[in-house]
């Protein structure tokens, strides 16, 4: 029997209130109705491996190696895929709570040029690895550290400087938290509107469930995509909203009173120096078990000011995405109507 992964369950149980909301809590709110440019593209297959459940949390390292979590395998959790050799060069980790074991990976954190952290939301723990050792075939972790849950549970964590991390998750009554270098929560930011707070049903959590946190170190900016509707937010490192961008499709914010069955917004984002790329569904499931529609066929491209630039329409549903800026490719997991596979699309000059 196959079980639906934890991250998919988060898509399914958010319901929208019919009451109209005040939009001002999405600071600097803007909306648009169409992208200035669109094009069609076909996904190219990269590898013959197939998966019944989507590999998750793609992460590219040194522009050559992609980390992915194999959701089908309980014995070997993580794969390291060499893009040049087009083969898996390392398999590590397994299900469990011990050193080098994982239960719910939600992200990777590059601490420095030779240290990678893997965050497990179920264990609220970051496991640290030497990158050189990992690539040479050594899979034992260097160390592990628990993440503070004093103010709530971080779902996603991103490093923003040598002394601070930012997290999104379930922080009552706020949406974001700042953690110090020891992973203790030192402050929370952007309060959730009182009308949306429903601790019994965790509605406030799902209302702000994000598709990870994207960070641009050159611009010192963060980007998050809302899974609950087509909203992209750009923030600075003080967790102040620079822009909230809504559009162009039919997943409306809660305050509009327009009801839908379940959230079908952005999948995890990826970003280049100048662009943000988000996989977007914009479809309504026919039943609560129709979770495959949360994987969109559209890639929305924005600049780091939140300006919509282009939509790429693809031929298959996309479960995850990561960019190689030097190769001018978006590597992705896609669904071919039978299995999930590993593939890519080529980017044009104006899309980098």
Protein backbone atom coordinates (compact mmCIF):
# COMPACT_ATOMS: atom_id res chain seq x y z
CA UNK A 1 0.00 0.00 0.00
CA UNK A 2 1.27 3.48 -0.91
CA UNK A 3 0.84 6.39 1.48
CA UNK A 4 0.38 10.00 0.39
CA UNK A 5 3.46 12.00 1.56
CA UNK A 6 3.14 14.51 4.39
CA UNK A 7 3.79 17.52 2.16
CA UNK A 8 0.86 16.54 -0.09
CA UNK A 9 -1.51 16.29 2.87
CA UNK A 10 -0.84 19.97 3.63
CA UNK A 11 -2.39 20.79 0.23
CA UNK A 12 -5.69 19.15 0.98
CA UNK A 13 -7.35 20.43 4.13
CA UNK A 14 -7.49 24.20 3.89
CA UNK A 15 -10.96 25.67 3.41
CA UNK A 16 -11.68 29.31 2.66
CA UNK A 17 -14.06 31.44 4.66
CA UNK A 18 -16.90 33.14 2.82
CA UNK A 19 -16.37 36.25 4.91
CA UNK A 20 -14.56 39.06 3.14
CA UNK A 21 -11.12 39.91 4.48
CA UNK A 22 -9.13 43.08 4.76
CA UNK A 23 -6.25 42.83 2.27
CA UNK A 24 -3.86 45.09 4.15
CA UNK A 25 -2.18 42.27 6.07
CA UNK A 26 -0.58 41.29 2.77
CA UNK A 27 1.55 44.41 2.88
CA UNK A 28 2.16 46.23 -0.43
CA UNK A 29 -0.52 44.18 -2.18
CA UNK A 30 -0.57 44.25 -6.00
CA UNK A 31 -2.56 42.23 -8.51
CA UNK A 32 -2.23 41.51 -12.24
CA UNK A 33 -4.38 39.72 -14.82
CA UNK A 34 -1.89 38.33 -17.37
CA UNK A 35 1.79 37.82 -18.10
CA UNK A 36 3.28 40.06 -20.80
CA UNK A 37 4.81 37.02 -22.51
CA UNK A 38 4.01 33.31 -22.76
CA UNK A 39 5.44 30.31 -24.56
CA UNK A 40 5.01 26.54 -24.78
CA UNK A 41 7.80 24.04 -24.09
CA UNK A 42 8.14 20.27 -23.86
CA UNK A 43 9.89 18.65 -20.94
CA UNK A 44 12.92 16.55 -21.95
CA UNK A 45 13.65 13.32 -20.10
CA UNK A 46 16.99 13.21 -18.30
CA UNK A 47 16.98 9.76 -16.78
CA UNK A 48 15.27 6.38 -17.08
CA UNK A 49 14.43 6.11 -13.36
CA UNK A 50 10.71 6.10 -12.55
CA UNK A 51 8.94 6.82 -9.25
CA UNK A 52 5.40 6.07 -8.08
CA UNK A 53 5.56 9.02 -5.68
CA UNK A 54 7.29 12.29 -6.54
CA UNK A 55 10.91 12.79 -5.42
CA UNK A 56 10.91 15.96 -3.37
CA UNK A 57 13.06 18.94 -2.38
CA UNK A 58 15.47 19.20 -5.29
CA UNK A 59 18.70 21.01 -4.40
CA UNK A 60 21.55 21.78 -6.79
CA UNK A 61 25.11 21.83 -5.52
CA UNK A 62 28.16 23.18 -7.35
CA UNK A 63 25.99 23.36 -10.45
CA UNK A 64 26.66 19.65 -11.02
CA UNK A 65 24.98 17.58 -8.32
CA UNK A 66 21.27 17.43 -7.52
CA UNK A 67 19.98 16.11 -4.21
CA UNK A 68 16.52 14.55 -4.22
CA UNK A 69 14.48 12.61 -1.72
CA UNK A 70 13.26 9.29 -3.09
CA UNK A 71 9.72 8.99 -1.70
CA UNK A 72 9.40 5.38 -2.90
CA UNK A 73 12.30 3.98 -0.91
CA UNK A 74 12.20 3.46 2.85
CA UNK A 75 15.77 2.16 3.02
CA UNK A 76 17.66 4.80 1.02
CA UNK A 77 16.12 8.23 1.43
CA UNK A 78 18.48 10.59 -0.42
CA UNK A 79 19.99 10.35 -3.88
CA UNK A 80 22.84 12.47 -5.23
CA UNK A 81 22.57 12.74 -9.01
CA UNK A 82 25.54 13.77 -11.17
CA UNK A 83 24.23 15.90 -14.06
CA UNK A 84 27.36 15.43 -16.15
CA UNK A 85 27.44 11.65 -15.80
CA UNK A 86 23.63 11.41 -15.79
CA UNK A 87 23.66 8.87 -13.01
CA UNK A 88 23.13 8.55 -9.25
CA UNK A 89 26.55 8.60 -7.57
CA UNK A 90 25.48 8.36 -3.94
CA UNK A 91 22.57 6.97 -1.93
CA UNK A 92 22.37 7.79 1.75
CA UNK A 93 20.07 7.99 4.73
CA UNK A 94 17.11 5.86 5.72
CA UNK A 95 13.83 6.21 7.58
CA UNK A 96 14.37 6.66 11.29
CA UNK A 97 15.37 8.98 14.12
CA UNK A 98 19.05 8.14 14.49
CA UNK A 99 22.16 9.78 13.01
CA UNK A 100 21.88 9.96 9.24
CA UNK A 101 18.18 9.00 9.37
CA UNK A 102 15.18 11.12 8.33
CA UNK A 103 11.40 11.23 8.61
CA UNK A 104 10.35 14.43 6.85
CA UNK A 105 12.93 16.42 4.89
CA UNK A 106 11.71 19.90 3.92
CA UNK A 107 14.91 21.60 2.82
CA UNK A 108 18.65 21.91 2.38
CA UNK A 109 20.78 24.69 3.83
CA UNK A 110 24.25 25.50 2.49
CA UNK A 111 26.12 26.72 5.55
CA UNK A 112 29.44 27.44 3.82
CA UNK A 113 31.46 26.22 0.84
CA UNK A 114 31.86 22.73 2.33
CA UNK A 115 28.97 22.24 4.76
CA UNK A 116 25.42 21.20 3.89
CA UNK A 117 22.56 21.06 6.37
CA UNK A 118 19.46 18.92 5.79
CA UNK A 119 16.38 20.03 7.73
CA UNK A 120 13.87 17.44 8.93
CA UNK A 121 10.60 19.07 10.02
CA UNK A 122 9.30 15.91 11.70
CA UNK A 123 12.38 15.64 13.91
CA UNK A 124 12.90 19.44 14.08
CA UNK A 125 16.56 18.73 13.44
CA UNK A 126 19.30 19.80 11.05
CA UNK A 127 21.85 17.15 10.07
CA UNK A 128 25.19 18.52 8.89
CA UNK A 129 27.42 16.91 6.26
CA UNK A 130 30.81 17.70 4.77
CA UNK A 131 30.11 18.24 1.06
CA UNK A 132 33.50 16.90 -0.02
CA UNK A 133 32.97 13.73 2.01
CA UNK A 134 29.46 13.26 0.61
CA UNK A 135 30.63 13.54 -2.98
CA UNK A 136 33.47 11.10 -2.34
CA UNK A 137 31.06 8.45 -1.09
CA UNK A 138 31.24 8.99 2.68
CA UNK A 139 27.70 9.27 4.05
CA UNK A 140 28.14 9.59 7.82
CA UNK A 141 26.90 12.98 9.14
CA UNK A 142 29.35 15.29 10.87
CA UNK A 143 26.84 16.50 13.47
CA UNK A 144 23.18 17.18 14.26
CA UNK A 145 21.38 20.01 16.00
CA UNK A 146 17.81 20.39 17.25
CA UNK A 147 15.81 23.43 16.20
CA UNK A 148 13.99 25.46 18.84
CA UNK A 149 10.21 25.03 18.88
CA UNK A 150 9.55 27.48 21.72
CA UNK A 151 7.30 29.65 19.53
CA UNK A 152 6.04 27.02 17.09
CA UNK A 153 7.21 24.57 14.46
CA UNK A 154 9.40 25.72 11.55
CA UNK A 155 8.38 24.00 8.30
CA UNK A 156 11.10 25.59 6.16
CA UNK A 157 14.41 27.18 7.21
CA UNK A 158 16.74 29.37 5.16
CA UNK A 159 20.08 30.92 6.11
CA UNK A 160 20.20 34.70 5.57
CA UNK A 161 23.59 35.60 7.08
CA UNK A 162 26.30 34.15 9.30
CA UNK A 163 24.25 34.68 12.46
CA UNK A 164 20.61 34.34 11.41
CA UNK A 165 18.11 32.00 9.81
CA UNK A 166 14.54 32.70 8.75
CA UNK A 167 11.76 30.13 9.03
CA UNK A 168 8.17 29.87 7.88
CA UNK A 169 5.77 27.56 9.65
CA UNK A 170 3.31 27.39 12.50
CA UNK A 171 4.20 30.33 14.75
CA UNK A 172 1.21 31.53 16.75
CA UNK A 173 0.27 34.24 16.04
CA UNK A 174 2.91 35.06 13.38
CA UNK A 175 3.93 33.79 9.97
CA UNK A 176 7.73 33.91 10.16
CA UNK A 177 10.47 33.51 12.74
CA UNK A 178 14.11 34.56 12.98
CA UNK A 179 16.52 32.01 14.49
CA UNK A 180 20.03 32.66 15.76
CA UNK A 181 23.09 30.62 14.77
CA UNK A 182 22.26 28.11 17.53
CA UNK A 183 18.80 27.62 15.97
CA UNK A 184 16.94 29.29 18.84
CA UNK A 185 13.93 31.41 17.84
CA UNK A 186 14.69 35.01 18.76
CA UNK A 187 11.74 36.81 17.16
CA UNK A 188 8.57 36.28 15.13
CA UNK A 189 7.19 38.52 12.41
CA UNK A 190 4.10 39.46 10.36
CA UNK A 191 1.15 38.58 12.58
CA UNK A 192 -1.68 36.46 11.26
CA UNK A 193 -5.02 38.35 11.17
CA UNK A 194 -7.21 37.49 14.14
CA UNK A 195 -10.07 36.53 11.82
CA UNK A 196 -7.99 33.71 10.37
CA UNK A 197 -6.82 32.28 13.67
CA UNK A 198 -8.47 28.96 14.40
CA UNK A 199 -6.23 26.94 16.68
CA UNK A 200 -8.63 23.99 16.80
CA UNK A 201 -8.41 23.43 13.05
CA UNK A 202 -5.03 25.07 12.35
CA UNK A 203 -6.64 27.15 9.61
CA UNK A 204 -4.15 29.93 10.19
CA UNK A 205 -1.32 27.49 9.39
CA UNK A 206 -2.75 26.37 6.06
CA UNK A 207 -3.69 29.92 5.10
CA UNK A 208 0.00 30.78 5.05
CA UNK A 209 1.58 27.48 4.08
CA UNK A 210 4.48 28.37 1.80
CA UNK A 211 6.40 26.49 -0.86
CA UNK A 212 9.74 26.90 0.89
CA UNK A 213 11.83 30.06 1.22
CA UNK A 214 13.98 31.32 -1.64
CA UNK A 215 16.92 33.60 -0.80
CA UNK A 216 18.94 35.91 -3.06
CA UNK A 217 22.17 36.73 -1.26
CA UNK A 218 23.22 39.39 -3.78
CA UNK A 219 20.01 41.38 -3.33
CA UNK A 220 19.41 40.37 0.30
CA UNK A 221 15.84 39.43 -0.50
CA UNK A 222 13.54 36.51 0.22
CA UNK A 223 10.70 35.10 -1.86
CA UNK A 224 7.87 32.77 -0.84
CA UNK A 225 5.05 31.35 -2.92
CA UNK A 226 1.70 30.62 -1.30
CA UNK A 227 0.37 27.12 -1.75
CA UNK A 228 -3.13 28.32 -0.92
CA UNK A 229 -3.53 30.62 -3.93
CA UNK A 230 -1.53 32.42 -6.61
CA UNK A 231 0.39 34.80 -4.35
CA UNK A 232 4.11 35.57 -4.44
CA UNK A 233 5.71 37.62 -1.67
CA UNK A 234 9.06 39.42 -1.77
CA UNK A 235 10.60 40.29 1.63
CA UNK A 236 13.80 41.83 2.95
CA UNK A 237 16.00 40.22 5.60
CA UNK A 238 14.18 42.12 8.36
CA UNK A 239 11.04 40.21 7.27
CA UNK A 240 9.34 43.29 5.89
CA UNK A 241 7.19 42.74 2.83
CA UNK A 242 8.47 44.57 -0.24
CA UNK A 243 5.64 43.35 -2.45
CA UNK A 244 2.72 40.89 -2.41
CA UNK A 245 1.84 39.88 -5.96
CA UNK A 246 -1.49 38.19 -6.73
CA UNK A 247 -2.46 36.88 -10.18
CA UNK A 248 -3.21 36.07 -12.85
CA UNK A 249 -5.52 33.08 -12.39
CA UNK A 250 -8.48 32.10 -10.24
CA UNK A 251 -7.07 31.12 -6.85
CA UNK A 252 -8.35 34.04 -4.85
CA UNK A 253 -7.12 35.25 -1.44
CA UNK A 254 -9.30 34.48 1.56
CA UNK A 255 -10.65 38.00 1.92
CA UNK A 256 -12.41 37.91 -1.47
CA UNK A 257 -14.95 35.39 -0.16
CA UNK A 258 -14.54 33.22 -3.29
CA UNK A 259 -14.55 29.60 -2.18
CA UNK A 260 -12.58 26.68 -3.62
CA UNK A 261 -12.23 23.02 -2.74
CA UNK A 262 -8.58 23.07 -1.67
CA UNK A 263 -5.38 25.03 -2.27
CA UNK A 264 -3.68 24.76 -5.66
CA UNK A 265 -1.08 27.51 -5.75
CA UNK A 266 2.71 27.49 -6.01
CA UNK A 267 4.99 24.51 -5.70
CA UNK A 268 8.54 25.11 -4.41
CA UNK A 269 10.29 28.04 -6.04
CA UNK A 270 13.76 28.27 -7.53
CA UNK A 271 15.71 31.37 -8.42
CA UNK A 272 18.60 32.81 -10.42
CA UNK A 273 20.49 36.04 -9.79
CA UNK A 274 17.80 38.03 -11.56
CA UNK A 275 14.67 35.83 -11.76
CA UNK A 276 12.21 33.84 -9.62
CA UNK A 277 10.59 30.69 -11.06
CA UNK A 278 7.48 29.14 -9.52
CA UNK A 279 5.53 26.08 -10.62
CA UNK A 280 1.85 27.00 -10.47
CA UNK A 281 -1.26 24.84 -10.80
CA UNK A 282 -4.32 27.08 -10.83
CA UNK A 283 -6.60 24.03 -11.02
CA UNK A 284 -9.38 22.87 -8.73
CA UNK A 285 -9.39 19.19 -7.71
CA UNK A 286 -12.58 17.27 -8.43
CA UNK A 287 -12.26 15.35 -5.14
CA UNK A 288 -10.20 15.71 -1.99
CA UNK A 289 -8.05 12.74 -3.14
CA UNK A 290 -7.25 14.37 -6.46
CA UNK A 291 -3.89 15.64 -5.15
CA UNK A 292 -2.09 15.33 -8.47
CA UNK A 293 -3.72 18.59 -9.59
CA UNK A 294 -1.62 20.45 -7.06
CA UNK A 295 1.27 19.86 -9.47
CA UNK A 296 1.02 22.50 -12.16
CA UNK A 297 2.02 22.60 -15.81
CA UNK A 298 2.88 26.31 -15.65
CA UNK A 299 6.16 27.97 -14.70
CA UNK A 300 5.71 31.62 -13.68
CA UNK A 301 8.74 33.89 -14.00
CA UNK A 302 9.12 37.11 -11.95
CA UNK A 303 11.98 39.49 -11.30
CA UNK A 304 13.14 40.18 -7.75
CA UNK A 305 10.95 43.28 -7.62
CA UNK A 306 7.92 41.00 -7.97
CA UNK A 307 7.22 42.08 -11.54
CA UNK A 308 5.56 39.30 -13.62
CA UNK A 309 7.63 38.62 -16.75
CA UNK A 310 6.62 35.39 -18.49
CA UNK A 311 4.66 32.17 -18.21
CA UNK A 312 6.06 28.91 -19.63
CA UNK A 313 3.38 26.29 -20.29
CA UNK A 314 4.66 22.71 -20.30
CA UNK A 315 3.24 19.37 -21.42
CA UNK A 316 3.42 17.56 -18.07
CA UNK A 317 2.71 18.27 -14.40
CA UNK A 318 5.76 19.35 -12.40
CA UNK A 319 6.37 18.26 -8.82
CA UNK A 320 9.60 20.10 -8.06
CA UNK A 321 12.11 22.38 -9.74
CA UNK A 322 15.65 23.75 -9.46
CA UNK A 323 17.73 25.96 -11.76
CA UNK A 324 21.23 25.61 -13.18
CA UNK A 325 21.99 29.20 -14.13
CA UNK A 326 25.21 28.37 -15.99
CA UNK A 327 23.57 25.57 -17.97
CA UNK A 328 20.45 27.69 -18.61
CA UNK A 329 18.21 24.82 -17.58
CA UNK A 330 15.40 24.16 -15.15
CA UNK A 331 15.77 20.64 -13.79
CA UNK A 332 12.53 19.16 -12.53
CA UNK A 333 10.46 16.18 -11.45
CA UNK A 334 7.48 15.63 -13.74
CA UNK A 335 4.51 13.26 -14.00
CA UNK A 336 4.09 11.44 -17.34
CA UNK A 337 0.54 10.26 -16.48
CA UNK A 338 1.93 6.96 -15.16
CA UNK A 339 5.14 7.65 -13.24
CA UNK A 340 7.16 10.56 -11.91
CA UNK A 341 10.42 11.12 -13.79
CA UNK A 342 13.47 13.37 -13.79
CA UNK A 343 13.79 15.89 -16.65
CA UNK A 344 14.53 19.46 -17.69
CA UNK A 345 13.62 22.36 -19.96
CA UNK A 346 15.96 24.76 -21.70
CA UNK A 347 15.67 28.44 -20.80
CA UNK A 348 15.85 31.26 -23.32
CA UNK A 349 18.16 34.25 -22.86
CA UNK A 350 15.44 36.55 -21.56
CA UNK A 351 14.42 33.92 -18.97
CA UNK A 352 17.75 33.78 -17.09
